[in-house]
Structures are given as structure tokens and as C-alpha cells.
Amino acid sequence: MVLPDFASVNWHEPGPQAVAHALFDLGVGVEAGLWHPTAIAAWRQWDGHDQCLRVLLGVVDDLPPRQAVAEAARLVAALGDDIDATSVLLHGEGTSTWPLLGEAIRRGFDVRIGLEDALVLPDGSAADGNAELVATARALLDRT
């Protein structure tokens, strides 16, 4: 059986601790998907949270850019001291994707991009595919 290096476990879904422990038992790393302050609090209280490879802070609502960045800041603040203890990936979907990618770059967080996240480029035009999304994100990273 071929297993992934890591898997995302969303703390707003039922049974995340059991899923994470099962993954650890198989030698699979865990990325904690944290989409709400209540999920962050539950993850922080879990005794295995320090074993996670990173946290994925998700802002999935199609928020205007300033609101998306403000929501991301709220999630970062909710991480508290754990912000320094683990790797953070800041992730948006839809119209939140590009503002949050820029915010992640500004803060030195991990980023990801792909058709699962956005179908359009920062100017709103349709992306030709993942390669164009990645090239655009790379260009933003190279500007910093």
C-alpha cells in the first residue's frame, strides 16, 4: 500500500482527533485544517496538536479582499502562541484566494494554489489551468 506523506484533517468536521491518530499510526503526517476560531480552540486543546506538520488556516467564503484579510488575521490571532510553533498555510477560495495568497506572502506563511482554490487570475480573467495559476503565484512570490 502506498500512503501519502501527509493528509489534511479538518477540525470542524466530526472526529478529527481519531482520524489524526489513525494517520499517525500509519506514519502519515497531519496538516490541521482550521477554518473557524472554535476549530482552532479544539485543535489547541488536543494533546497531539504539536505533532502536526502545519496548520492550514482557511477562509473559504467569497469575501471582498479586505474582509478576507481581516478574517485571516482573526484566525492567526486565534492561533496564539502556536503561530510560532508550527508552519502555517494561509488558504482562500474563490475571491478570497488572491488576497490571502498576498497576505500569506507578506507574513511569510506557506501558500498553495490550484483549480481547487480559484478558477480565475487576480484580474478576474479565467485561468487556462493550474500551470497559469502557479506561474501567477510564482510571479507574486518573486516580487517580494
Protein backbone atom coordinates (compact mmCIF):
# COMPACT_ATOMS: atom_id res chain seq x y z
CA MET A 1 0.00 0.00 0.00
CA VAL A 2 1.30 3.45 -0.93
CA LEU A 3 0.47 6.15 1.60
CA PRO A 4 0.72 9.92 1.25
CA ASP A 5 3.38 11.88 3.12
CA PHE A 6 0.62 13.81 4.87
CA ALA A 7 -3.13 14.37 4.85
CA SER A 8 -5.33 17.28 5.84
CA VAL A 9 -7.67 16.75 8.77
CA ASN A 10 -10.35 19.40 9.21
CA TRP A 11 -11.09 20.22 12.83
CA HIS A 12 -14.60 21.50 12.05
CA GLU A 13 -15.62 18.00 10.92
CA PRO A 14 -16.58 15.14 13.26
CA GLY A 15 -13.84 13.04 14.86
CA PRO A 16 -10.66 14.84 13.80
CA GLN A 17 -8.58 13.54 16.70
CA ALA A 18 -9.37 9.90 15.86
CA VAL A 19 -8.56 10.50 12.19
CA ALA A 20 -5.29 12.22 13.10
CA HIS A 21 -4.27 9.40 15.46
CA ALA A 22 -5.06 6.80 12.78
CA LEU A 23 -2.87 8.70 10.32
CA PHE A 24 -0.05 8.99 12.84
CA ASP A 25 -0.28 5.22 13.48
CA LEU A 26 0.21 4.66 9.73
CA GLY A 27 3.20 7.02 9.62
CA VAL A 28 1.28 9.69 7.72
CA GLY A 29 1.80 13.31 8.74
CA VAL A 30 -1.15 15.55 9.59
CA GLU A 31 -1.96 19.04 8.39
CA ALA A 32 -4.66 20.50 10.65
CA GLY A 33 -7.37 22.28 8.66
CA LEU A 34 -8.63 25.13 10.83
CA TRP A 35 -11.47 27.17 9.38
CA HIS A 36 -13.02 28.78 12.47
CA PRO A 37 -11.82 30.07 15.85
CA THR A 38 -13.77 27.26 17.56
CA ALA A 39 -11.88 24.70 15.46
CA ILE A 40 -8.60 26.38 16.41
CA ALA A 41 -9.52 26.21 20.10
CA ALA A 42 -10.39 22.49 19.81
CA TRP A 43 -7.14 21.77 17.98
CA ARG A 44 -5.08 23.69 20.55
CA GLN A 45 -6.69 21.69 23.38
CA TRP A 46 -5.92 18.36 21.71
CA ASP A 47 -2.81 16.76 23.21
CA GLY A 48 -1.42 15.83 19.78
CA HIS A 49 -1.56 19.26 18.17
CA ASP A 50 2.20 19.74 18.47
CA GLN A 51 2.74 16.66 16.26
CA CYS A 52 1.04 18.26 13.25
CA LEU A 53 3.24 19.23 10.32
CA ARG A 54 1.41 22.51 9.86
CA VAL A 55 -1.93 24.20 10.12
CA LEU A 56 -4.00 25.29 7.16
CA LEU A 57 -5.97 28.40 8.05
CA GLY A 58 -8.86 28.50 5.64
CA VAL A 59 -11.06 31.40 4.60
CA VAL A 60 -13.48 29.79 2.19
CA ASP A 61 -16.20 32.40 1.87
CA ASP A 62 -16.11 34.62 -1.17
CA LEU A 63 -15.34 37.73 0.82
CA PRO A 64 -14.20 41.08 -0.52
CA PRO A 65 -10.39 41.36 -0.27
CA ARG A 66 -10.24 43.47 2.90
CA GLN A 67 -12.73 41.26 4.72
CA ALA A 68 -10.86 38.12 3.65
CA VAL A 69 -7.60 39.51 5.02
CA ALA A 70 -9.35 40.63 8.22
CA GLU A 71 -10.82 37.14 8.69
CA ALA A 72 -7.37 35.62 8.14
CA ALA A 73 -5.93 37.97 10.77
CA ARG A 74 -8.64 36.82 13.19
CA LEU A 75 -7.66 33.18 12.60
CA VAL A 76 -3.96 33.95 13.00
CA ALA A 77 -4.69 35.74 16.28
CA ALA A 78 -6.71 32.74 17.49
CA LEU A 79 -3.64 30.54 16.97
CA GLY A 80 -1.94 32.49 19.74
CA ASP A 81 1.46 31.15 20.76
CA ASP A 82 1.12 28.19 18.39
CA ILE A 83 1.77 30.56 15.50
CA ASP A 84 5.48 30.29 16.31
CA ALA A 85 5.47 26.54 16.95
CA THR A 86 4.18 25.26 13.61
CA SER A 87 4.18 26.01 9.93
CA VAL A 88 1.13 27.93 8.71
CA LEU A 89 -0.51 27.78 5.31
CA LEU A 90 -2.96 30.61 4.68
CA HIS A 91 -5.59 29.47 2.19
CA GLY A 92 -8.51 31.12 0.44
CA GLU A 93 -11.07 30.01 -2.07
CA GLY A 94 -12.88 31.93 -4.77
CA THR A 95 -12.47 35.68 -4.48
CA SER A 96 -10.56 35.20 -1.22
CA THR A 97 -7.78 33.25 -2.94
CA TRP A 98 -5.56 36.02 -4.28
CA PRO A 99 -5.86 38.48 -1.37
CA LEU A 100 -4.96 35.68 1.04
CA LEU A 101 -2.11 34.47 -1.11
CA GLY A 102 -0.72 38.01 -0.99
CA GLU A 103 -1.24 38.16 2.77
CA ALA A 104 0.49 34.79 3.21
CA ILE A 105 3.48 36.03 1.22
CA ARG A 106 3.59 39.21 3.31
CA ARG A 107 3.56 37.21 6.56
CA GLY A 108 5.99 34.53 5.36
CA PHE A 109 3.41 31.73 5.53
CA ASP A 110 3.14 28.74 3.21
CA VAL A 111 0.94 29.09 0.13
CA ARG A 112 -0.86 26.84 -2.30
CA ILE A 113 -2.75 27.49 -5.50
CA GLY A 114 -4.72 25.38 -7.93
CA LEU A 115 -8.08 24.92 -9.58
CA GLU A 116 -9.49 23.62 -6.30
CA ASP A 117 -8.93 27.13 -4.92
CA ALA A 118 -9.57 29.51 -7.81
CA LEU A 119 -10.62 29.42 -11.42
CA VAL A 120 -9.58 32.99 -12.12
CA LEU A 121 -6.43 35.10 -12.07
CA PRO A 122 -6.07 38.16 -9.83
CA ASP A 123 -7.57 40.38 -12.57
CA GLY A 124 -10.70 38.20 -12.70
CA SER A 125 -9.94 36.61 -16.07
CA ALA A 126 -10.32 32.85 -16.40
CA ALA A 127 -7.16 30.85 -15.78
CA ASP A 128 -6.11 28.44 -18.54
CA GLY A 129 -5.33 25.84 -15.88
CA ASN A 130 -3.15 25.01 -12.91
CA ALA A 131 0.07 25.94 -14.74
CA GLU A 132 -1.12 29.53 -15.25
CA LEU A 133 -2.28 29.80 -11.63
CA VAL A 134 1.08 28.53 -10.39
CA ALA A 135 3.02 30.84 -12.70
CA THR A 136 0.99 33.82 -11.50
CA ALA A 137 1.52 32.89 -7.84
CA ARG A 138 5.24 32.37 -8.51
CA ALA A 139 5.45 35.84 -10.06
CA LEU A 140 3.86 37.30 -6.91
CA LEU A 141 6.37 35.43 -4.74
CA ASP A 142 9.27 36.62 -6.87
CA ARG A 143 8.21 40.27 -6.37
CA THR A 144 8.86 40.06 -2.64
